[in-house]
Amino acid sequence: MVWAPLARHLEGFVAFAPDLRGHGDSPAPTGRDMEWDGFADDVLAVVDAMAAAGIDVDGLVAAGHSKGGASLLLAEQRRPGTFGAIYCYEPVVVPPDLRSAMGAVNGEANPLAEGALRRRDVFPSKDAAFENYRSKLPFSALDPDALRAYVDHGFADQADGSVRLKCRPEIESAVYRMAGGHDAFDHLGEVACPVTIGMGVVDGFGPAASAPLVADALPHGRLVEFPDLGHFGPLEDPARVAASIIDAVT
C-alpha cells in the first residue's frame, strides 16, 4: 500500500501491488531462508494468479523499488517475456566485484542486517509510530501519504492496544543478509524487454552507485536520474516518479 500514492498518478493503468513474503500480510516461508530467488517466485505467482483470474497479462508493465526491482529482473530472467517493460528504481542488483563490499555473503558482517535486529518494532499506537518515523531520516523524507500507508498497513494491532511491525526484525535482517546472494547482474543480458533504471543521489556503495552499471548491462536499458531524491524516491515524490514511469513504458 505504500505504492498507492504513486499509483494514483498512473492514469490509464490498472495497478496491482504484490505483498511479497514476510513483508506484510504474506507470511515468511518456513524451512528456508529469505534468499531473493524466492521473491521472484512471488512475482511469478502473482502473474499466474492474475492470468488464472482472466486478467490479460500480455505485455504486462512492472515497476519496482530496491528489492522489488531486483525481484522483477530475477522473474524476467527466469521466465523471459513475462513483462513488456520494466521500471526499476535503484534495484539491488550488484556487480560481482562489489558484492563483497555489501557484506552480504560468506558470513561477513552486514551493518544493515545487524541494524534491522535492533529496530524498534512495537509502538503504543499507529499514530505514535507515525510521529516517531516522521521525525527522523529516512522516513522524514517520505511523502506523508506514503509514510501513513506504511504505518497503517505495515503494523498489526495487538491485544493490548499496541501495534507491531508485520515485517519482523529478524525477517528484515535475513533479507539484508541475503541481498548479495543472487546473480541477477550476471544475467542482465538475457532481459530482452525495455528496462528503465531510476536513481537518486549516489551515497556510498548503495544501489544508486550500481544503477548506471545495471542500465549499461541491459540490452535495452535506460538510466533516469533524480539528483534531489534518495533511495526511497518513489515514496519521496510519488507524482514525479509516476510521471517518469509513464514516460518510460508508453
C-alpha atoms as a PDB file:
ATOM      1  CA  MET A   1       0.000   0.000   0.000  1.00  0.00           C
ATOM      2  CA  VAL A   2       2.976   2.363   0.207  1.00  0.00           C
ATOM      3  CA  TRP A   3       2.737   2.417  -3.607  1.00  0.00           C
ATOM      4  CA  ALA A   4      -0.858   3.698  -3.519  1.00  0.00           C
ATOM      5  CA  PRO A   5       0.129   7.413  -3.534  1.00  0.00           C
ATOM      6  CA  LEU A   6       2.206   6.762  -6.675  1.00  0.00           C
ATOM      7  CA  ALA A   7      -0.389   4.503  -8.298  1.00  0.00           C
ATOM      8  CA  ARG A   8      -2.982   7.275  -8.078  1.00  0.00           C
ATOM      9  CA  HIS A   9      -0.937   9.158 -10.682  1.00  0.00           C
ATOM     10  CA  LEU A  10      -0.744   6.238 -13.139  1.00  0.00           C
ATOM     11  CA  GLU A  11      -3.639   7.371 -15.288  1.00  0.00           C
ATOM     12  CA  GLY A  12      -4.750   4.782 -17.804  1.00  0.00           C
ATOM     13  CA  PHE A  13      -3.288   1.887 -15.844  1.00  0.00           C
ATOM     14  CA  VAL A  14      -4.818  -0.681 -13.506  1.00  0.00           C
ATOM     15  CA  ALA A  15      -2.301  -1.245 -10.714  1.00  0.00           C
ATOM     16  CA  PHE A  16      -1.610  -4.405  -8.712  1.00  0.00           C
ATOM     17  CA  ALA A  17       0.842  -4.310  -5.798  1.00  0.00           C
ATOM     18  CA  PRO A  18       2.037  -7.733  -4.596  1.00  0.00           C
ATOM     19  CA  ASP A  19       2.701  -8.277  -0.913  1.00  0.00           C
ATOM     20  CA  LEU A  20       5.967 -10.192  -1.014  1.00  0.00           C
ATOM     21  CA  ARG A  21       6.775 -12.859   1.534  1.00  0.00           C
ATOM     22  CA  GLY A  22       7.483 -11.736   5.072  1.00  0.00           C
ATOM     23  CA  HIS A  23       6.828  -8.068   4.393  1.00  0.00           C
ATOM     24  CA  GLY A  24       3.171  -7.557   5.256  1.00  0.00           C
ATOM     25  CA  ASP A  25       0.265  -9.952   5.456  1.00  0.00           C
ATOM     26  CA  SER A  26       2.108 -12.614   3.441  1.00  0.00           C
ATOM     27  CA  PRO A  27       3.951 -14.923   5.856  1.00  0.00           C
ATOM     28  CA  ALA A  28       7.644 -15.667   5.719  1.00  0.00           C
ATOM     29  CA  PRO A  29       8.499 -19.134   4.391  1.00  0.00           C
ATOM     30  CA  THR A  30       9.287 -21.973   6.753  1.00  0.00           C
ATOM     31  CA  GLY A  31      12.216 -24.275   6.233  1.00  0.00           C
ATOM     32  CA  ARG A  32      14.166 -21.888   4.022  1.00  0.00           C
ATOM     33  CA  ASP A  33      15.996 -18.590   4.322  1.00  0.00           C
ATOM     34  CA  MET A  34      14.971 -15.309   2.699  1.00  0.00           C
ATOM     35  CA  GLU A  35      17.020 -15.865  -0.459  1.00  0.00           C
ATOM     36  CA  TRP A  36      15.929 -13.420  -3.132  1.00  0.00           C
ATOM     37  CA  ASP A  37      15.045 -16.046  -5.720  1.00  0.00           C
ATOM     38  CA  GLY A  38      12.005 -16.574  -3.523  1.00  0.00           C
ATOM     39  CA  PHE A  39      10.813 -13.051  -4.251  1.00  0.00           C
ATOM     40  CA  ALA A  40      10.941 -13.885  -7.949  1.00  0.00           C
ATOM     41  CA  ASP A  41       8.746 -16.896  -7.105  1.00  0.00           C
ATOM     42  CA  ASP A  42       6.268 -14.478  -5.537  1.00  0.00           C
ATOM     43  CA  VAL A  43       6.237 -12.165  -8.555  1.00  0.00           C
ATOM     44  CA  LEU A  44       5.599 -15.035 -10.955  1.00  0.00           C
ATOM     45  CA  ALA A  45       2.935 -16.490  -8.669  1.00  0.00           C
ATOM     46  CA  VAL A  46       1.080 -13.166  -8.769  1.00  0.00           C
ATOM     47  CA  VAL A  47       1.317 -13.020 -12.570  1.00  0.00           C
ATOM     48  CA  ASP A  48      -0.010 -16.586 -12.790  1.00  0.00           C
ATOM     49  CA  ALA A  49      -2.860 -15.799 -10.405  1.00  0.00           C
ATOM     50  CA  MET A  50      -3.801 -12.742 -12.461  1.00  0.00           C
ATOM     51  CA  ALA A  51      -3.872 -14.841 -15.631  1.00  0.00           C
ATOM     52  CA  ALA A  52      -5.955 -17.526 -13.915  1.00  0.00           C
ATOM     53  CA  ALA A  53      -8.422 -14.822 -12.886  1.00  0.00           C
ATOM     54  CA  GLY A  54      -8.892 -13.831 -16.517  1.00  0.00           C
ATOM     55  CA  ILE A  55      -6.734 -10.699 -16.389  1.00  0.00           C
ATOM     56  CA  ASP A  56      -4.808 -10.013 -19.593  1.00  0.00           C
ATOM     57  CA  VAL A  57      -1.123 -10.220 -18.679  1.00  0.00           C
ATOM     58  CA  ASP A  58       0.209  -9.940 -22.226  1.00  0.00           C
ATOM     59  CA  GLY A  59       2.676  -7.064 -22.282  1.00  0.00           C
ATOM     60  CA  LEU A  60       2.403  -6.551 -18.530  1.00  0.00           C
ATOM     61  CA  VAL A  61       4.302  -3.493 -17.265  1.00  0.00           C
ATOM     62  CA  ALA A  62       6.108  -3.774 -13.931  1.00  0.00           C
ATOM     63  CA  ALA A  63       7.664  -1.218 -11.607  1.00  0.00           C
ATOM     64  CA  GLY A  64       9.703  -1.959  -8.508  1.00  0.00           C
ATOM     65  CA  HIS A  65      11.957  -0.279  -5.981  1.00  0.00           C
ATOM     66  CA  SER A  66      15.101  -1.661  -4.356  1.00  0.00           C
ATOM     67  CA  LYS A  67      14.493  -5.359  -3.624  1.00  0.00           C
ATOM     68  CA  GLY A  68      11.270  -5.123  -5.595  1.00  0.00           C
ATOM     69  CA  GLY A  69      13.189  -4.060  -8.683  1.00  0.00           C
ATOM     70  CA  ALA A  70      15.644  -6.907  -8.279  1.00  0.00           C
ATOM     71  CA  SER A  71      12.723  -9.324  -7.896  1.00  0.00           C
ATOM     72  CA  LEU A  72      11.253  -8.170 -11.219  1.00  0.00           C
ATOM     73  CA  LEU A  73      14.538  -8.654 -13.048  1.00  0.00           C
ATOM     74  CA  LEU A  74      15.032 -12.092 -11.494  1.00  0.00           C
ATOM     75  CA  ALA A  75      11.495 -13.053 -12.532  1.00  0.00           C
ATOM     76  CA  GLU A  76      12.008 -11.874 -16.119  1.00  0.00           C
ATOM     77  CA  GLN A  77      15.311 -13.766 -16.335  1.00  0.00           C
ATOM     78  CA  ARG A  78      13.644 -16.938 -15.148  1.00  0.00           C
ATOM     79  CA  ARG A  79      10.625 -16.580 -17.427  1.00  0.00           C
ATOM     80  CA  PRO A  80      11.518 -14.394 -20.432  1.00  0.00           C
ATOM     81  CA  GLY A  81       8.610 -12.477 -21.892  1.00  0.00           C
ATOM     82  CA  THR A  82       6.730 -12.105 -18.609  1.00  0.00           C
ATOM     83  CA  PHE A  83       6.942  -8.326 -18.888  1.00  0.00           C
ATOM     84  CA  GLY A  84       6.606  -5.963 -21.812  1.00  0.00           C
ATOM     85  CA  ALA A  85       8.559  -3.278 -19.948  1.00  0.00           C
ATOM     86  CA  ILE A  86      10.135  -2.856 -16.518  1.00  0.00           C
ATOM     87  CA  TYR A  87      10.880   0.239 -14.441  1.00  0.00           C
ATOM     88  CA  CYS A  88      13.302  -0.255 -11.539  1.00  0.00           C
ATOM     89  CA  TYR A  89      14.209   2.489  -9.106  1.00  0.00           C
ATOM     90  CA  GLU A  90      17.615   1.652  -7.620  1.00  0.00           C
ATOM     91  CA  PRO A  91      17.281  -2.129  -7.838  1.00  0.00           C
ATOM     92  CA  VAL A  92      19.637  -4.030  -5.562  1.00  0.00           C
ATOM     93  CA  VAL A  93      21.458  -5.723  -8.431  1.00  0.00           C
ATOM     94  CA  VAL A  94      25.156  -5.608  -7.718  1.00  0.00           C
ATOM     95  CA  PRO A  95      28.143  -6.490  -9.939  1.00  0.00           C
ATOM     96  CA  PRO A  96      30.123  -9.484  -8.666  1.00  0.00           C
ATOM     97  CA  ASP A  97      33.160  -7.405  -7.716  1.00  0.00           C
ATOM     98  CA  LEU A  98      31.045  -5.206  -5.449  1.00  0.00           C
ATOM     99  CA  ARG A  99      29.022  -7.911  -3.714  1.00  0.00           C
ATOM    100  CA  SER A 100      31.619  -8.476  -1.027  1.00  0.00           C
ATOM    101  CA  ALA A 101      31.551  -4.746  -0.256  1.00  0.00           C
ATOM    102  CA  MET A 102      27.907  -5.199   0.748  1.00  0.00           C
ATOM    103  CA  GLY A 103      28.976  -7.570   3.490  1.00  0.00           C
ATOM    104  CA  ALA A 104      26.086  -9.775   2.449  1.00  0.00           C
ATOM    105  CA  VAL A 105      27.759 -13.062   1.666  1.00  0.00           C
ATOM    106  CA  ASN A 106      30.195 -15.556   3.177  1.00  0.00           C
ATOM    107  CA  GLY A 107      29.220 -14.710   6.746  1.00  0.00           C
ATOM    108  CA  GLU A 108      30.694 -11.207   6.680  1.00  0.00           C
ATOM    109  CA  ALA A 109      29.313  -8.512   8.963  1.00  0.00           C
ATOM    110  CA  ASN A 110      26.355  -6.728   7.399  1.00  0.00           C
ATOM    111  CA  PRO A 111      25.532  -3.378   9.043  1.00  0.00           C
ATOM    112  CA  LEU A 112      22.014  -3.270   7.579  1.00  0.00           C
ATOM    113  CA  ALA A 113      21.243  -6.791   8.784  1.00  0.00           C
ATOM    114  CA  GLU A 114      22.612  -6.038  12.228  1.00  0.00           C
ATOM    115  CA  GLY A 115      20.741  -2.740  12.416  1.00  0.00           C
ATOM    116  CA  ALA A 116      17.459  -4.408  11.498  1.00  0.00           C
ATOM    117  CA  LEU A 117      17.740  -6.689  14.522  1.00  0.00           C
ATOM    118  CA  ARG A 118      17.816  -3.603  16.745  1.00  0.00           C
ATOM    119  CA  ARG A 119      14.835  -1.954  15.066  1.00  0.00           C
ATOM    120  CA  ARG A 120      12.019  -0.906  17.339  1.00  0.00           C
ATOM    121  CA  ASP A 121       9.030  -2.994  16.330  1.00  0.00           C
ATOM    122  CA  VAL A 122       6.321  -2.103  18.872  1.00  0.00           C
ATOM    123  CA  PHE A 123       4.631   1.273  19.414  1.00  0.00           C
ATOM    124  CA  PRO A 124       1.710   2.330  21.613  1.00  0.00           C
ATOM    125  CA  SER A 125      -0.355   3.163  18.512  1.00  0.00           C
ATOM    126  CA  LYS A 126      -0.091   3.749  14.773  1.00  0.00           C
ATOM    127  CA  ASP A 127      -0.189   7.489  15.385  1.00  0.00           C
ATOM    128  CA  ALA A 128       2.763   7.141  17.769  1.00  0.00           C
ATOM    129  CA  ALA A 129       4.689   5.173  15.148  1.00  0.00           C
ATOM    130  CA  PHE A 130       3.893   7.789  12.503  1.00  0.00           C
ATOM    131  CA  GLU A 131       5.100  10.652  14.702  1.00  0.00           C
ATOM    132  CA  ASN A 132       8.273   8.754  15.566  1.00  0.00           C
ATOM    133  CA  TYR A 133       9.088   7.973  11.955  1.00  0.00           C
ATOM    134  CA  ARG A 134       8.418  11.383  10.517  1.00  0.00           C
ATOM    135  CA  SER A 135      10.952  12.920  12.904  1.00  0.00           C
ATOM    136  CA  LYS A 136      13.964  11.029  11.562  1.00  0.00           C
ATOM    137  CA  LEU A 137      15.586  10.031   8.300  1.00  0.00           C
ATOM    138  CA  PRO A 138      14.956   8.236   6.028  1.00  0.00           C
ATOM    139  CA  PHE A 139      11.258   8.246   6.913  1.00  0.00           C
ATOM    140  CA  SER A 140      11.095  12.021   7.317  1.00  0.00           C
ATOM    141  CA  ALA A 141      11.900  12.377   3.601  1.00  0.00           C
ATOM    142  CA  LEU A 142       8.885  10.311   2.573  1.00  0.00           C
ATOM    143  CA  ASP A 143       5.691  11.787   1.182  1.00  0.00           C
ATOM    144  CA  PRO A 144       3.285  11.977   4.161  1.00  0.00           C
ATOM    145  CA  ASP A 145       0.703   9.791   2.404  1.00  0.00           C
ATOM    146  CA  ALA A 146       3.317   7.115   1.682  1.00  0.00           C
ATOM    147  CA  LEU A 147       4.544   7.173   5.281  1.00  0.00           C
ATOM    148  CA  ARG A 148       0.974   6.991   6.552  1.00  0.00           C
ATOM    149  CA  ALA A 149       0.326   3.984   4.322  1.00  0.00           C
ATOM    150  CA  TYR A 150       3.491   2.307   5.619  1.00  0.00           C
ATOM    151  CA  VAL A 151       2.325   2.722   9.194  1.00  0.00           C
ATOM    152  CA  ASP A 152      -1.357   1.928   8.641  1.00  0.00           C
ATOM    153  CA  HIS A 153      -0.699  -1.216   6.613  1.00  0.00           C
ATOM    154  CA  GLY A 154       2.726  -2.268   7.895  1.00  0.00           C
ATOM    155  CA  PHE A 155       1.720  -2.622  11.555  1.00  0.00           C
ATOM    156  CA  ALA A 156      -0.627  -5.157  13.117  1.00  0.00           C
ATOM    157  CA  ASP A 157      -2.891  -4.362  16.062  1.00  0.00           C
ATOM    158  CA  GLN A 158      -2.041  -6.229  19.268  1.00  0.00           C
ATOM    159  CA  ALA A 159      -4.361  -7.449  22.023  1.00  0.00           C
ATOM    160  CA  ASP A 160      -3.068  -4.824  24.469  1.00  0.00           C
ATOM    161  CA  GLY A 161      -3.831  -1.961  22.059  1.00  0.00           C
ATOM    162  CA  SER A 162      -0.257  -1.525  20.851  1.00  0.00           C
ATOM    163  CA  VAL A 163       0.897  -2.115  17.266  1.00  0.00           C
ATOM    164  CA  ARG A 164       3.710  -4.304  15.976  1.00  0.00           C
ATOM    165  CA  LEU A 165       5.614  -4.335  12.697  1.00  0.00           C
ATOM    166  CA  LYS A 166       4.365  -7.044  10.357  1.00  0.00           C
ATOM    167  CA  CYS A 167       7.837  -7.387   8.823  1.00  0.00           C
ATOM    168  CA  ARG A 168       9.625  -8.813  11.837  1.00  0.00           C
ATOM    169  CA  PRO A 169      13.150  -7.512  12.546  1.00  0.00           C
ATOM    170  CA  GLU A 170      14.618 -10.983  12.115  1.00  0.00           C
ATOM    171  CA  ILE A 171      12.964 -11.284   8.693  1.00  0.00           C
ATOM    172  CA  GLU A 172      14.205  -7.875   7.577  1.00  0.00           C
ATOM    173  CA  SER A 173      17.671  -8.790   8.796  1.00  0.00           C
ATOM    174  CA  ALA A 174      17.599 -12.042   6.809  1.00  0.00           C
ATOM    175  CA  VAL A 175      16.539 -10.132   3.682  1.00  0.00           C
ATOM    176  CA  TYR A 176      19.521  -7.799   4.008  1.00  0.00           C
ATOM    177  CA  ARG A 177      21.852 -10.700   4.733  1.00  0.00           C
ATOM    178  CA  MET A 178      20.831 -12.437   1.505  1.00  0.00           C
ATOM    179  CA  ALA A 179      20.960  -9.304  -0.680  1.00  0.00           C
ATOM    180  CA  GLY A 180      24.285 -10.198  -2.280  1.00  0.00           C
ATOM    181  CA  GLY A 181      23.456 -13.852  -2.783  1.00  0.00           C
ATOM    182  CA  HIS A 182      21.607 -13.645  -6.098  1.00  0.00           C
ATOM    183  CA  ASP A 183      23.099 -13.431  -9.573  1.00  0.00           C
ATOM    184  CA  ALA A 184      20.673 -11.093 -11.363  1.00  0.00           C
ATOM    185  CA  PHE A 185      23.529  -8.868 -12.571  1.00  0.00           C
ATOM    186  CA  ASP A 186      25.254 -11.787 -14.275  1.00  0.00           C
ATOM    187  CA  HIS A 187      22.165 -12.409 -16.418  1.00  0.00           C
ATOM    188  CA  LEU A 188      21.085  -8.872 -17.280  1.00  0.00           C
ATOM    189  CA  GLY A 189      21.991  -9.553 -20.907  1.00  0.00           C
ATOM    190  CA  GLU A 190      19.111 -12.052 -21.032  1.00  0.00           C
ATOM    191  CA  VAL A 191      16.478  -9.390 -20.270  1.00  0.00           C
ATOM    192  CA  ALA A 192      15.064  -8.558 -23.698  1.00  0.00           C
ATOM    193  CA  CYS A 193      12.319  -6.105 -22.758  1.00  0.00           C
ATOM    194  CA  PRO A 194      12.968  -2.367 -22.314  1.00  0.00           C
ATOM    195  CA  VAL A 195      14.111  -1.565 -18.774  1.00  0.00           C
ATOM    196  CA  THR A 196      14.385   1.902 -17.258  1.00  0.00           C
ATOM    197  CA  ILE A 197      16.638   2.286 -14.234  1.00  0.00           C
ATOM    198  CA  GLY A 198      15.858   5.219 -11.965  1.00  0.00           C
ATOM    199  CA  MET A 199      18.413   6.503  -9.492  1.00  0.00           C
ATOM    200  CA  GLY A 200      18.718   9.181  -6.850  1.00  0.00           C
ATOM    201  CA  VAL A 201      21.816  10.736  -5.339  1.00  0.00           C
ATOM    202  CA  VAL A 202      24.835   8.427  -5.011  1.00  0.00           C
ATOM    203  CA  ASP A 203      25.552   7.689  -1.358  1.00  0.00           C
ATOM    204  CA  GLY A 204      28.483   5.374  -0.761  1.00  0.00           C
ATOM    205  CA  PHE A 205      28.119   1.820  -2.063  1.00  0.00           C
ATOM    206  CA  GLY A 206      24.320   1.892  -2.149  1.00  0.00           C
ATOM    207  CA  PRO A 207      22.182   0.816  -5.103  1.00  0.00           C
ATOM    208  CA  ALA A 208      22.493   4.242  -6.737  1.00  0.00           C
ATOM    209  CA  ALA A 209      26.198   3.621  -7.283  1.00  0.00           C
ATOM    210  CA  SER A 210      25.437   0.446  -9.264  1.00  0.00           C
ATOM    211  CA  ALA A 211      22.474   1.857 -11.195  1.00  0.00           C
ATOM    212  CA  PRO A 212      24.479   3.100 -14.227  1.00  0.00           C
ATOM    213  CA  LEU A 213      26.242  -0.275 -14.447  1.00  0.00           C
ATOM    214  CA  VAL A 214      22.903  -2.084 -14.413  1.00  0.00           C
ATOM    215  CA  ALA A 215      21.495   0.154 -17.148  1.00  0.00           C
ATOM    216  CA  ASP A 216      24.601  -0.370 -19.297  1.00  0.00           C
ATOM    217  CA  ALA A 217      24.463  -4.160 -18.908  1.00  0.00           C
ATOM    218  CA  LEU A 218      20.862  -4.381 -20.115  1.00  0.00           C
ATOM    219  CA  PRO A 219      20.295  -4.831 -23.877  1.00  0.00           C
ATOM    220  CA  HIS A 220      17.582  -2.166 -23.812  1.00  0.00           C
ATOM    221  CA  GLY A 221      18.461  -0.289 -20.643  1.00  0.00           C
ATOM    222  CA  ARG A 222      17.968   3.405 -19.989  1.00  0.00           C
ATOM    223  CA  LEU A 223      19.038   5.485 -16.982  1.00  0.00           C
ATOM    224  CA  VAL A 224      16.907   8.235 -15.444  1.00  0.00           C
ATOM    225  CA  GLU A 225      18.420  10.392 -12.707  1.00  0.00           C
ATOM    226  CA  PHE A 226      16.717  12.176  -9.809  1.00  0.00           C
ATOM    227  CA  PRO A 227      19.617  14.064  -8.185  1.00  0.00           C
ATOM    228  CA  ASP A 228      17.412  15.562  -5.464  1.00  0.00           C
ATOM    229  CA  LEU A 229      15.910  12.248  -4.318  1.00  0.00           C
ATOM    230  CA  GLY A 230      17.301   9.468  -2.174  1.00  0.00           C
ATOM    231  CA  HIS A 231      17.000   5.703  -2.247  1.00  0.00           C
ATOM    232  CA  PHE A 232      13.287   5.901  -1.420  1.00  0.00           C
ATOM    233  CA  GLY A 233      12.488   8.119  -4.408  1.00  0.00           C
ATOM    234  CA  PRO A 234       9.123   6.526  -5.339  1.00  0.00           C
ATOM    235  CA  LEU A 235       7.937   7.162  -1.784  1.00  0.00           C
ATOM    236  CA  GLU A 236       9.520  10.611  -1.548  1.00  0.00           C
ATOM    237  CA  ASP A 237       7.991  12.104  -4.698  1.00  0.00           C
ATOM    238  CA  PRO A 238       5.273   9.725  -5.925  1.00  0.00           C
ATOM    239  CA  ALA A 239       3.882  12.080  -8.580  1.00  0.00           C
ATOM    240  CA  ARG A 240       7.233  12.734 -10.265  1.00  0.00           C
ATOM    241  CA  VAL A 241       8.337   9.106 -10.272  1.00  0.00           C
ATOM    242  CA  ALA A 242       4.893   8.083 -11.584  1.00  0.00           C
ATOM    243  CA  ALA A 243       5.322  10.535 -14.463  1.00  0.00           C
ATOM    244  CA  SER A 244       8.736   9.000 -15.157  1.00  0.00           C
ATOM    245  CA  ILE A 245       7.216   5.511 -15.206  1.00  0.00           C
ATOM    246  CA  ILE A 246       4.500   6.565 -17.650  1.00  0.00           C
ATOM    247  CA  ASP A 247       7.081   8.232 -19.887  1.00  0.00           C
ATOM    248  CA  ALA A 248       9.233   5.103 -19.837  1.00  0.00           C
ATOM    249  CA  VAL A 249       6.600   2.491 -20.626  1.00  0.00           C
ATOM    250  CA  THR A 250       4.290   4.280 -23.074  1.00  0.00           C
END
